Amino acid sequence: MVADKQKKLITTPTLVLMIISTIYGFGNVSIAYAQMAYAGMFWYILAGVCFFFPCCLMMAEYGSAFKDAKGGIYSWLAGSIGEKLAFIGTFIWLSSWILWLVSSASRLWITLSALLFGHDTTQHWHFWIFNSTELIGILAILFVLLVTLLSSQGMNGITKISSFGGAFMIAMNAIFILASLVAIIANKGVTAQPIHGVASFFESPNPSFKTPIAVISFVVYAIFAYSGMENLGGVTDSMKDPAHTFPRGLVIGSLLTIGSYVLMILMTGFTVNYDHVIARPNVNLGNVTYVVFDRLGYMMGVSLGFSHGINLLLGDIFTRMIALAGLMGMLGAMFLLVYSPIKSFIMGANPKLWPARVTKLNKHGMPAFAMWMQAIFICCIIFLISFGGSAADAFYQILTDMVNVSACAPYIFLVGAFPIFQKKNIPHDFVVFKNRFWTNILVGVVEIIVCLGIIFTCIQPILDHDPQTAFWTAFGPIFFGIVAWLFYRHAVRKNHLNL
């Protein structure tokens, strides 16, 4: 009894903090502003209300029903729609983390450059016959190999620095709010990015987001900003009175997360003029966060009447601080994610589906063989993209779209499986969706939003006559889905499994 009481430590305030820390990221704010400026707020509200909130409740019911399962979302899907679709869906989920590693290994060097030099200098890097994009690709490949080597040897203590990075990032968000308020008050309410009536909150100044298809494709960016709620579904059994704690915490956490995104996008406009700062040729989705913080520091100094030199120094300090926070968080996450998702997938799936050497753990408890196969695959993708002839802006646009689409795709399976999960009447304490008809309507709406966002994100580059971006954007879910289906089919036939 005492142990059970000790276990149920998650209260409403704790859950609210967990939701915000798991979901919210300032990088999503700066990318939204770079793509849509103030218009991004509407899509973040829409995605929060129509996707984030209902999905959190669904994940909570999954977690309550499968609270003793070790395989995470694999166990949820397998218990709902069967082993085959669970294998394919989780394989696609794994692809989102793999492509995140591809992106982060490349963006890491922008973060390091911003920390060392106060701004992004990577576009001027070159070595021998390699241009900046190719050199970044080579450095990213070497870093992936190093991280895999160290993590496979059990040297994952560096993941602890991510907690310091998280605390530092919270502090930087507080500084962002305070500096933005100082600037707007000093400027007597005049924003750097003008607001021309209601149209400013629906029309993007970005020429790439003028057509209806392009605008709707932005929903993928908004959905990605809220991704990760599946990690919250397994904590209902650790709550005090989950039937009341979770919905209460979810409502508060969701409103605060949605509100934080909307507020921060609005505040970005206090100091960052889109045409003068964001639309410059050297600004891309890889370095836009550092550009925003540099401008924030500079404009705060201007607002306080400091000299030009002091203003530049403030911009430099702000840039280095956000770069330090980002670097700590990124390093910790990479050392964790290079083994955690793949290990969870392998350990959660039916062991008969895998070759023996894939499931074998080394003396450090790591699936070393699987990790090295993953590393080789990541390196191949980095090489193909970085040596594909793309300039820096196109390179980071491809990386962003790849990660966003791959992160959204697993929700097609998780949300689509929910009505089937309900029909199985698996006992669970936390139940929100009691009316099957309205649940099916809600599931249909969420599925349409996710699918349309993914489809339009993949179509837009084709309309822009950019087949390379179109290919890599759709690459993750399609490639991993096909590989998963072929692998599953081969394993079942080879081992004569009746699954």
Protein backbone atom coordinates (compact mmCIF):
# COMPACT_ATOMS: atom_id res chain seq x y z
CA MET A 1 0.00 0.00 0.00
CA VAL A 2 2.83 2.37 0.91
CA ALA A 3 4.68 1.59 -2.32
CA ASP A 4 1.53 2.24 -4.32
CA LYS A 5 1.08 5.62 -2.65
CA GLN A 6 4.69 6.52 -3.37
CA LYS A 7 4.26 5.55 -6.99
CA LYS A 8 1.29 7.83 -7.61
CA LEU A 9 3.21 11.09 -7.39
CA ILE A 10 1.93 12.89 -10.50
CA THR A 11 -0.43 15.68 -9.50
CA THR A 12 -2.15 18.23 -11.74
CA PRO A 13 0.67 20.85 -11.54
CA THR A 14 3.26 18.15 -12.23
CA LEU A 15 1.33 16.92 -15.26
CA VAL A 16 0.95 20.46 -16.60
CA LEU A 17 4.72 20.95 -16.42
CA MET A 18 5.29 17.57 -18.09
CA ILE A 19 2.96 18.49 -20.97
CA ILE A 20 4.61 21.86 -21.57
CA SER A 21 8.20 20.57 -21.29
CA THR A 22 7.46 17.59 -23.55
CA ILE A 23 5.62 19.50 -26.28
CA TYR A 24 6.72 23.14 -26.35
CA GLY A 25 9.86 24.23 -28.23
CA PHE A 26 10.95 27.73 -29.19
CA GLY A 27 12.40 26.40 -32.45
CA ASN A 28 8.82 25.74 -33.56
CA VAL A 29 7.99 29.40 -32.86
CA SER A 30 10.82 30.79 -34.98
CA ILE A 31 10.12 28.37 -37.84
CA ALA A 32 6.41 29.28 -37.76
CA TYR A 33 7.31 32.96 -37.91
CA ALA A 34 9.74 32.37 -40.77
CA GLN A 35 7.04 30.56 -42.74
CA MET A 36 3.86 32.48 -41.90
CA ALA A 37 4.70 35.41 -39.57
CA TYR A 38 1.56 36.33 -37.56
CA ALA A 39 -0.57 34.02 -39.72
CA GLY A 40 1.09 31.04 -38.03
CA MET A 41 -0.92 31.75 -34.88
CA PHE A 42 -4.21 30.69 -36.48
CA TRP A 43 -2.81 27.34 -37.59
CA TYR A 44 -1.24 26.66 -34.21
CA ILE A 45 -4.59 27.32 -32.53
CA LEU A 46 -6.39 25.09 -35.06
CA ALA A 47 -3.87 22.25 -34.66
CA GLY A 48 -3.95 22.61 -30.87
CA VAL A 49 -7.74 22.41 -30.60
CA CYS A 50 -8.45 19.91 -33.39
CA PHE A 51 -5.36 17.68 -33.05
CA PHE A 52 -3.34 18.11 -29.89
CA PHE A 53 -6.17 18.11 -27.35
CA PRO A 54 -8.20 15.11 -28.64
CA CYS A 55 -5.04 13.09 -29.38
CA CYS A 56 -3.78 13.57 -25.82
CA LEU A 57 -7.04 12.09 -24.51
CA MET A 58 -6.77 9.14 -26.90
CA MET A 59 -3.16 8.49 -25.90
CA ALA A 60 -4.22 8.59 -22.25
CA GLU A 61 -6.84 5.89 -22.83
CA TYR A 62 -4.28 3.77 -24.67
CA GLY A 63 -1.81 4.22 -21.82
CA SER A 64 -4.42 3.33 -19.21
CA ALA A 65 -5.39 0.13 -21.04
CA PHE A 66 -1.83 -1.00 -21.76
CA LYS A 67 -0.14 0.38 -18.65
CA ASP A 68 1.83 -2.83 -18.07
CA ALA A 69 3.03 -3.20 -21.67
CA LYS A 70 6.73 -2.56 -22.35
CA GLY A 71 6.52 -1.79 -26.07
CA GLY A 72 4.96 1.67 -25.94
CA ILE A 73 2.93 2.55 -29.03
CA TYR A 74 3.77 -0.86 -30.56
CA SER A 75 1.83 -2.53 -27.76
CA TRP A 76 -1.04 -0.07 -28.20
CA LEU A 77 -1.33 -0.77 -31.92
CA ALA A 78 -0.78 -4.52 -31.63
CA GLY A 79 -3.54 -4.77 -29.04
CA SER A 80 -5.89 -2.74 -31.24
CA ILE A 81 -5.29 -3.47 -34.93
CA GLY A 82 -2.97 -6.49 -34.85
CA GLU A 83 0.72 -7.26 -35.13
CA LYS A 84 1.17 -6.47 -38.84
CA LEU A 85 -0.16 -2.91 -38.83
CA ALA A 86 1.49 -2.33 -35.45
CA PHE A 87 4.85 -3.33 -36.93
CA ILE A 88 4.39 -1.05 -39.95
CA GLY A 89 3.05 1.87 -37.90
CA THR A 90 5.83 1.65 -35.31
CA PHE A 91 8.44 1.31 -38.05
CA ILE A 92 7.17 4.61 -39.49
CA TRP A 93 7.25 6.09 -35.97
CA LEU A 94 10.88 4.96 -35.74
CA SER A 95 11.58 6.74 -39.03
CA SER A 96 10.56 10.06 -37.49
CA TRP A 97 13.29 9.69 -34.87
CA ILE A 98 15.83 8.52 -37.43
CA LEU A 99 15.11 11.53 -39.63
CA TRP A 100 15.27 13.76 -36.55
CA LEU A 101 18.79 12.44 -36.03
CA VAL A 102 19.56 13.21 -39.68
CA SER A 103 18.33 16.78 -39.21
CA SER A 104 19.91 17.39 -35.81
CA ALA A 105 23.32 16.05 -36.82
CA SER A 106 23.31 18.64 -39.60
CA ARG A 107 21.83 21.55 -37.62
CA LEU A 108 24.25 20.93 -34.75
CA TRP A 109 26.98 22.79 -36.60
CA ILE A 110 24.86 25.92 -36.97
CA THR A 111 24.28 25.83 -33.20
CA LEU A 112 28.00 25.38 -32.55
CA SER A 113 28.84 28.21 -34.95
CA ALA A 114 26.33 30.53 -33.26
CA LEU A 115 27.84 29.68 -29.86
CA LEU A 116 31.43 30.26 -30.97
CA PHE A 117 31.03 33.23 -33.31
CA GLY A 118 27.74 34.84 -32.25
CA HIS A 119 26.05 34.11 -35.58
CA ASP A 120 25.74 31.41 -38.21
CA THR A 121 28.95 31.22 -40.25
CA THR A 122 28.39 27.75 -41.71
CA GLN A 123 27.34 29.07 -45.12
CA HIS A 124 30.92 30.29 -45.55
CA TRP A 125 32.55 27.07 -44.42
CA HIS A 126 34.43 25.06 -47.03
CA PHE A 127 37.23 22.53 -47.14
CA TRP A 128 39.24 21.36 -50.14
CA ILE A 129 36.71 20.66 -52.92
CA PHE A 130 33.69 20.62 -50.60
CA ASN A 131 31.26 23.54 -50.35
CA SER A 132 29.49 24.50 -47.13
CA THR A 133 26.51 22.13 -47.50
CA GLU A 134 28.77 19.19 -48.40
CA LEU A 135 31.15 19.95 -45.52
CA ILE A 136 28.24 20.12 -43.05
CA GLY A 137 27.11 16.73 -44.40
CA ILE A 138 30.56 15.20 -43.82
CA LEU A 139 30.78 16.61 -40.28
CA ALA A 140 27.25 15.34 -39.55
CA ILE A 141 28.18 11.84 -40.73
CA LEU A 142 31.30 11.77 -38.55
CA PHE A 143 29.28 12.97 -35.56
CA VAL A 144 26.58 10.30 -36.03
CA LEU A 145 29.29 7.61 -36.11
CA LEU A 146 30.89 9.02 -32.95
CA VAL A 147 27.58 9.21 -31.06
CA THR A 148 26.70 5.66 -32.08
CA LEU A 149 30.11 4.39 -30.98
CA LEU A 150 29.92 6.03 -27.56
CA SER A 151 26.26 5.15 -26.94
CA SER A 152 26.74 1.51 -27.96
CA GLN A 153 29.43 1.31 -25.26
CA GLY A 154 26.97 2.50 -22.65
CA MET A 155 28.48 5.98 -22.48
CA ASN A 156 25.16 7.80 -22.36
CA GLY A 157 25.80 9.92 -19.29
CA ILE A 158 25.87 12.96 -21.56
CA THR A 159 22.08 12.71 -21.76
CA LYS A 160 22.02 14.30 -18.30
CA ILE A 161 23.17 17.61 -19.75
CA SER A 162 19.88 17.86 -21.62
CA SER A 163 18.15 18.59 -18.29
CA PHE A 164 20.44 21.59 -17.83
CA GLY A 165 19.72 22.58 -21.42
CA GLY A 166 16.00 22.34 -20.70
CA ALA A 167 16.27 24.58 -17.64
CA PHE A 168 18.40 27.03 -19.60
CA MET A 169 15.85 27.03 -22.44
CA ILE A 170 13.06 27.90 -20.00
CA ALA A 171 15.18 30.81 -18.79
CA MET A 172 15.76 31.95 -22.37
CA ASN A 173 12.02 31.93 -23.05
CA ALA A 174 11.53 34.11 -19.97
CA ILE A 175 14.25 36.47 -21.23
CA PHE A 176 12.56 36.53 -24.64
CA ILE A 177 9.25 37.59 -23.09
CA LEU A 178 10.83 40.27 -20.87
CA ALA A 179 12.99 41.70 -23.68
CA SER A 180 10.02 41.75 -26.06
CA LEU A 181 7.90 43.58 -23.49
CA VAL A 182 10.68 46.12 -22.91
CA ALA A 183 10.89 46.74 -26.66
CA ILE A 184 7.15 47.11 -27.23
CA ILE A 185 6.70 49.41 -24.22
CA ALA A 186 9.68 51.56 -25.21
CA ASN A 187 8.32 51.78 -28.77
CA LYS A 188 4.88 52.81 -27.41
CA GLY A 189 3.09 49.76 -28.82
CA VAL A 190 4.56 49.97 -32.33
CA THR A 191 5.58 46.50 -33.54
CA ALA A 192 8.56 45.84 -35.80
CA GLN A 193 6.31 43.69 -38.00
CA PRO A 194 3.31 45.91 -38.85
CA ILE A 195 -0.21 44.63 -38.25
CA HIS A 196 -2.46 45.65 -41.14
CA GLY A 197 -5.82 44.65 -39.76
CA VAL A 198 -7.19 41.12 -39.47
CA ALA A 199 -5.54 40.10 -42.76
CA SER A 200 -2.11 40.06 -41.07
CA PHE A 201 -3.24 37.10 -38.95
CA PHE A 202 -4.29 35.01 -41.96
CA GLU A 203 -2.03 36.05 -44.86
CA SER A 204 1.65 35.15 -44.88
CA PRO A 205 4.28 37.61 -46.15
CA ASN A 206 6.29 34.58 -47.29
CA PRO A 207 5.88 34.20 -51.08
CA SER A 208 6.14 30.41 -50.67
CA PHE A 209 2.90 30.37 -48.66
CA LYS A 210 0.52 32.28 -50.91
CA THR A 211 -1.43 29.46 -52.57
CA PRO A 212 -4.20 27.54 -50.73
CA ILE A 213 -2.28 24.26 -50.97
CA ALA A 214 0.87 25.83 -49.55
CA VAL A 215 -1.06 27.44 -46.71
CA ILE A 216 -2.86 24.21 -45.79
CA SER A 217 0.46 22.34 -45.92
CA PHE A 218 1.59 24.51 -43.02
CA VAL A 219 -0.67 22.43 -40.78
CA VAL A 220 2.12 19.82 -40.77
CA TYR A 221 4.42 22.36 -39.12
CA ALA A 222 1.71 23.08 -36.55
CA ILE A 223 1.03 19.39 -35.88
CA PHE A 224 4.76 18.73 -35.52
CA ALA A 225 4.91 21.49 -32.90
CA TYR A 226 2.51 19.40 -30.78
CA SER A 227 3.98 15.95 -31.52
CA GLY A 228 5.24 13.78 -28.68
CA MET A 229 2.02 13.44 -26.71
CA GLU A 230 2.23 9.66 -27.17
CA ASN A 231 4.98 9.78 -24.54
CA LEU A 232 2.44 11.07 -22.01
CA GLY A 233 -0.04 8.22 -22.48
CA GLY A 234 1.81 5.84 -20.19
CA VAL A 235 1.75 7.96 -17.05
CA THR A 236 -1.93 7.63 -16.08
CA ASP A 237 -1.16 4.79 -13.68
CA SER A 238 1.28 7.05 -11.80
CA MET A 239 -1.30 9.77 -11.10
CA LYS A 240 -3.30 10.61 -8.07
CA ASP A 241 -6.93 10.12 -9.13
CA PRO A 242 -6.23 9.85 -12.89
CA ALA A 243 -9.92 10.19 -13.84
CA HIS A 244 -9.80 13.79 -12.60
CA THR A 245 -6.08 14.63 -12.66
CA PHE A 246 -5.45 13.86 -16.33
CA PRO A 247 -8.34 15.77 -17.95
CA ARG A 248 -7.79 18.72 -15.59
CA GLY A 249 -4.04 18.75 -16.25
CA LEU A 250 -4.61 18.23 -19.95
CA VAL A 251 -6.98 21.18 -20.26
CA ILE A 252 -4.61 23.48 -18.36
CA GLY A 253 -1.46 22.14 -20.08
CA SER A 254 -3.03 22.30 -23.53
CA LEU A 255 -4.26 25.86 -23.06
CA LEU A 256 -0.88 26.97 -21.73
CA THR A 257 1.01 25.23 -24.56
CA ILE A 258 -1.27 26.63 -27.27
CA GLY A 259 -1.19 30.02 -25.58
CA SER A 260 2.60 29.94 -25.32
CA TYR A 261 3.00 29.28 -29.03
CA VAL A 262 0.53 32.01 -30.00
CA LEU A 263 2.00 34.54 -27.56
CA MET A 264 5.59 33.87 -28.62
CA ILE A 265 4.78 34.15 -32.34
CA LEU A 266 3.04 37.46 -31.65
CA MET A 267 5.96 38.68 -29.52
CA THR A 268 8.45 37.77 -32.24
CA GLY A 269 6.77 40.44 -34.34
CA PHE A 270 7.53 43.02 -31.61
CA THR A 271 11.22 43.08 -32.59
CA VAL A 272 11.58 41.14 -35.86
CA ASN A 273 10.46 42.71 -39.13
CA TYR A 274 9.82 39.95 -41.65
CA ASP A 275 11.10 41.69 -44.79
CA HIS A 276 14.17 43.27 -43.20
CA VAL A 277 15.28 40.33 -41.02
CA ILE A 278 13.72 37.01 -42.06
CA ALA A 279 13.52 37.43 -45.85
CA ARG A 280 17.28 37.89 -46.23
CA PRO A 281 19.11 35.30 -48.37
CA ASN A 282 21.35 34.11 -45.52
CA VAL A 283 18.39 33.21 -43.27
CA ASN A 284 17.08 29.64 -43.43
CA LEU A 285 15.10 27.23 -41.27
CA GLY A 286 18.33 25.98 -39.72
CA ASN A 287 19.50 29.31 -38.32
CA VAL A 288 16.30 31.37 -37.98
CA THR A 289 16.14 30.88 -34.18
CA TYR A 290 19.55 32.51 -33.77
CA VAL A 291 18.61 35.30 -36.17
CA VAL A 292 15.49 36.00 -34.07
CA PHE A 293 17.40 36.14 -30.78
CA ASP A 294 20.16 38.27 -32.29
CA ARG A 295 17.55 40.77 -33.45
CA LEU A 296 15.78 40.61 -30.08
CA GLY A 297 18.94 41.62 -28.23
CA TYR A 298 19.73 44.35 -30.72
CA MET A 299 16.23 45.85 -30.66
CA MET A 300 16.05 45.75 -26.87
CA GLY A 301 19.24 47.83 -26.81
CA VAL A 302 17.79 50.24 -29.36
CA SER A 303 14.62 50.59 -27.29
CA LEU A 304 16.67 51.44 -24.18
CA GLY A 305 18.73 54.02 -26.05
CA PHE A 306 22.06 52.21 -25.93
CA SER A 307 24.85 52.83 -28.43
CA HIS A 308 25.08 50.86 -31.68
CA GLY A 309 28.05 48.90 -30.35
CA ILE A 310 26.20 47.89 -27.17
CA ASN A 311 23.16 46.88 -29.24
CA LEU A 312 25.29 44.60 -31.40
CA LEU A 313 26.87 43.13 -28.25
CA LEU A 314 23.45 42.38 -26.76
CA GLY A 315 22.42 40.61 -29.96
CA ASP A 316 25.64 38.59 -29.82
CA ILE A 317 25.08 37.64 -26.16
CA PHE A 318 21.46 36.61 -26.75
CA THR A 319 22.51 34.47 -29.73
CA ARG A 320 25.25 32.69 -27.80
CA MET A 321 22.94 32.01 -24.86
CA ILE A 322 20.19 30.41 -26.96
CA ALA A 323 22.87 28.47 -28.86
CA LEU A 324 24.31 27.11 -25.60
CA ALA A 325 20.86 26.03 -24.42
CA GLY A 326 20.13 24.43 -27.79
CA LEU A 327 23.50 22.67 -27.95
CA MET A 328 23.10 21.09 -24.51
CA GLY A 329 19.58 19.91 -25.29
CA MET A 330 20.52 18.63 -28.73
CA LEU A 331 23.57 16.69 -27.55
CA GLY A 332 21.68 15.05 -24.71
CA ALA A 333 18.76 14.14 -26.97
CA MET A 334 20.99 12.68 -29.69
CA PHE A 335 22.88 10.40 -27.30
CA LEU A 336 19.53 9.16 -25.96
CA LEU A 337 17.60 8.86 -29.21
CA VAL A 338 20.33 7.03 -31.09
CA TYR A 339 19.41 3.93 -29.07
CA SER A 340 16.17 4.48 -27.12
CA PRO A 341 13.52 4.34 -29.92
CA ILE A 342 15.12 1.45 -31.79
CA LYS A 343 15.67 -0.50 -28.56
CA SER A 344 12.05 0.11 -27.52
CA PHE A 345 10.79 -1.09 -30.90
CA ILE A 346 12.95 -4.22 -30.94
CA MET A 347 12.13 -5.14 -27.33
CA GLY A 348 8.40 -4.44 -27.78
CA ALA A 349 7.88 -6.37 -31.02
CA ASN A 350 7.55 -10.13 -31.33
CA PRO A 351 11.17 -11.38 -31.08
CA LYS A 352 10.45 -13.98 -33.78
CA LEU A 353 10.13 -11.15 -36.32
CA TRP A 354 13.76 -10.14 -35.92
CA PRO A 355 16.99 -11.94 -36.84
CA ALA A 356 18.79 -13.10 -33.69
CA ARG A 357 21.68 -10.63 -34.03
CA VAL A 358 19.26 -7.67 -34.16
CA THR A 359 17.69 -8.49 -30.78
CA LYS A 360 20.98 -9.40 -29.13
CA LEU A 361 22.15 -6.86 -26.57
CA ASN A 362 25.84 -6.29 -25.92
CA LYS A 363 27.38 -6.30 -22.44
CA HIS A 364 26.27 -2.70 -21.98
CA GLY A 365 22.62 -3.60 -22.63
CA MET A 366 22.60 -1.92 -26.05
CA PRO A 367 21.37 -3.40 -29.38
CA ALA A 368 24.74 -2.56 -30.96
CA PHE A 369 24.14 -4.30 -34.30
CA ALA A 370 20.81 -2.54 -34.84
CA MET A 371 22.35 0.79 -33.78
CA TRP A 372 25.15 0.48 -36.35
CA MET A 373 22.68 -0.46 -39.09
CA GLN A 374 20.71 2.62 -38.13
CA ALA A 375 23.86 4.77 -38.17
CA ILE A 376 24.83 3.57 -41.65
CA PHE A 377 21.35 4.36 -42.94
CA ILE A 378 21.41 7.83 -41.36
CA CYS A 379 24.80 8.54 -42.89
CA CYS A 380 23.57 7.47 -46.34
CA ILE A 381 20.61 9.88 -46.14
CA ILE A 382 22.82 12.75 -44.96
CA PHE A 383 25.25 12.07 -47.79
CA LEU A 384 22.57 11.93 -50.47
CA ILE A 385 20.88 15.15 -49.33
CA SER A 386 24.03 17.18 -48.66
CA PHE A 387 25.68 16.13 -51.93
CA GLY A 388 22.46 16.56 -53.92
CA GLY A 389 23.44 20.03 -55.06
CA SER A 390 21.11 21.97 -52.73
CA ALA A 391 21.98 25.38 -51.38
CA ALA A 392 21.77 25.91 -47.61
CA ASP A 393 18.21 27.24 -47.60
CA ALA A 394 16.93 24.30 -49.68
CA PHE A 395 18.99 21.85 -47.59
CA TYR A 396 17.37 22.90 -44.30
CA GLN A 397 13.93 23.17 -45.91
CA ILE A 398 14.27 19.53 -46.98
CA LEU A 399 15.41 18.46 -43.51
CA THR A 400 12.53 20.33 -41.85
CA ASP A 401 9.86 18.91 -44.17
CA MET A 402 11.25 15.37 -43.84
CA VAL A 403 11.11 15.44 -40.05
CA ASN A 404 7.70 17.12 -39.91
CA VAL A 405 5.98 14.67 -42.26
CA SER A 406 7.59 11.61 -40.65
CA ALA A 407 6.60 12.81 -37.18
CA CYS A 408 2.98 13.33 -38.24
CA ALA A 409 2.53 10.06 -40.14
CA PRO A 410 2.41 7.69 -37.09
CA TYR A 411 -0.67 9.53 -35.81
CA ILE A 412 -2.57 8.20 -38.83
CA PHE A 413 -2.17 4.76 -37.27
CA LEU A 414 -2.61 5.79 -33.63
CA VAL A 415 -5.73 7.86 -34.21
CA GLY A 416 -7.20 5.51 -36.84
CA ALA A 417 -6.81 2.53 -34.51
CA PHE A 418 -8.68 4.19 -31.65
CA PRO A 419 -12.26 3.19 -32.65
CA ILE A 420 -11.09 -0.44 -33.04
CA PHE A 421 -9.40 -0.21 -29.64
CA GLN A 422 -12.71 0.95 -28.16
CA LYS A 423 -14.66 -1.94 -29.67
CA LYS A 424 -12.37 -4.45 -27.95
CA ASN A 425 -13.51 -3.16 -24.56
CA ILE A 426 -10.09 -3.60 -22.99
CA PRO A 427 -10.48 -2.78 -19.27
CA HIS A 428 -8.99 0.58 -18.31
CA ASP A 429 -9.66 3.09 -15.57
CA PHE A 430 -9.31 6.27 -17.62
CA VAL A 431 -12.22 6.62 -20.06
CA VAL A 432 -13.15 9.88 -21.79
CA PHE A 433 -14.68 8.86 -25.11
CA LYS A 434 -17.91 7.07 -24.22
CA ASN A 435 -20.08 7.87 -27.23
CA ARG A 436 -18.90 5.73 -30.16
CA PHE A 437 -20.65 7.82 -32.83
CA TRP A 438 -19.09 11.14 -31.84
CA THR A 439 -15.75 9.45 -31.25
CA ASN A 440 -15.77 8.17 -34.82
CA ILE A 441 -16.63 11.67 -36.09
CA LEU A 442 -13.75 13.16 -34.09
CA VAL A 443 -11.34 10.49 -35.31
CA GLY A 444 -12.40 11.19 -38.89
CA VAL A 445 -11.80 14.93 -38.47
CA VAL A 446 -8.34 14.42 -36.96
CA GLU A 447 -7.40 11.91 -39.67
CA ILE A 448 -8.48 14.33 -42.42
CA ILE A 449 -6.44 17.16 -40.89
CA VAL A 450 -3.30 15.03 -40.59
CA CYS A 451 -3.64 13.42 -44.03
CA LEU A 452 -4.39 16.68 -45.86
CA GLY A 453 -1.44 18.36 -44.18
CA ILE A 454 0.92 15.55 -45.19
CA ILE A 455 -0.42 15.30 -48.75
CA PHE A 456 -0.25 19.03 -49.42
CA THR A 457 3.23 19.26 -47.89
CA CYS A 458 4.39 16.62 -50.37
CA ILE A 459 2.51 18.16 -53.32
CA GLN A 460 3.66 21.76 -52.84
CA PRO A 461 7.31 21.16 -53.91
CA ILE A 462 6.04 19.45 -57.08
CA LEU A 463 3.96 22.53 -57.90
CA ASP A 464 7.08 24.61 -57.27
CA HIS A 465 9.02 22.39 -59.73
CA ASP A 466 11.28 21.14 -56.94
CA PRO A 467 11.29 17.34 -57.31
CA GLN A 468 14.23 16.87 -54.93
CA THR A 469 12.37 18.43 -51.98
CA ALA A 470 9.19 16.56 -52.94
CA PHE A 471 11.05 13.23 -52.97
CA TRP A 472 12.73 13.65 -49.59
CA THR A 473 9.59 15.09 -47.97
CA ALA A 474 7.61 11.94 -48.77
CA PHE A 475 10.61 9.65 -48.37
CA GLY A 476 10.33 8.77 -44.67
CA PRO A 477 6.81 7.35 -44.27
CA ILE A 478 6.68 5.75 -47.74
CA PHE A 479 10.14 4.16 -47.63
CA PHE A 480 9.89 2.91 -44.05
CA GLY A 481 6.32 1.74 -44.60
CA ILE A 482 7.35 -0.35 -47.63
CA VAL A 483 10.44 -1.71 -45.85
CA ALA A 484 8.35 -2.62 -42.79
CA TRP A 485 5.75 -4.42 -44.91
CA LEU A 486 8.38 -6.39 -46.85
CA PHE A 487 10.35 -7.19 -43.70
CA TYR A 488 7.25 -8.35 -41.84
CA ARG A 489 6.07 -10.48 -44.77
CA HIS A 490 9.50 -12.10 -45.13
CA ALA A 491 9.80 -12.81 -41.39
CA VAL A 492 6.34 -14.39 -41.18
CA ARG A 493 7.00 -16.67 -44.17
CA LYS A 494 10.53 -17.60 -43.14
CA ASN A 495 9.60 -18.48 -39.55
CA HIS A 496 6.15 -19.89 -40.41
CA LEU A 497 4.50 -17.51 -37.96
CA ASN A 498 0.75 -17.37 -37.52
CA LEU A 499 0.34 -13.66 -36.67
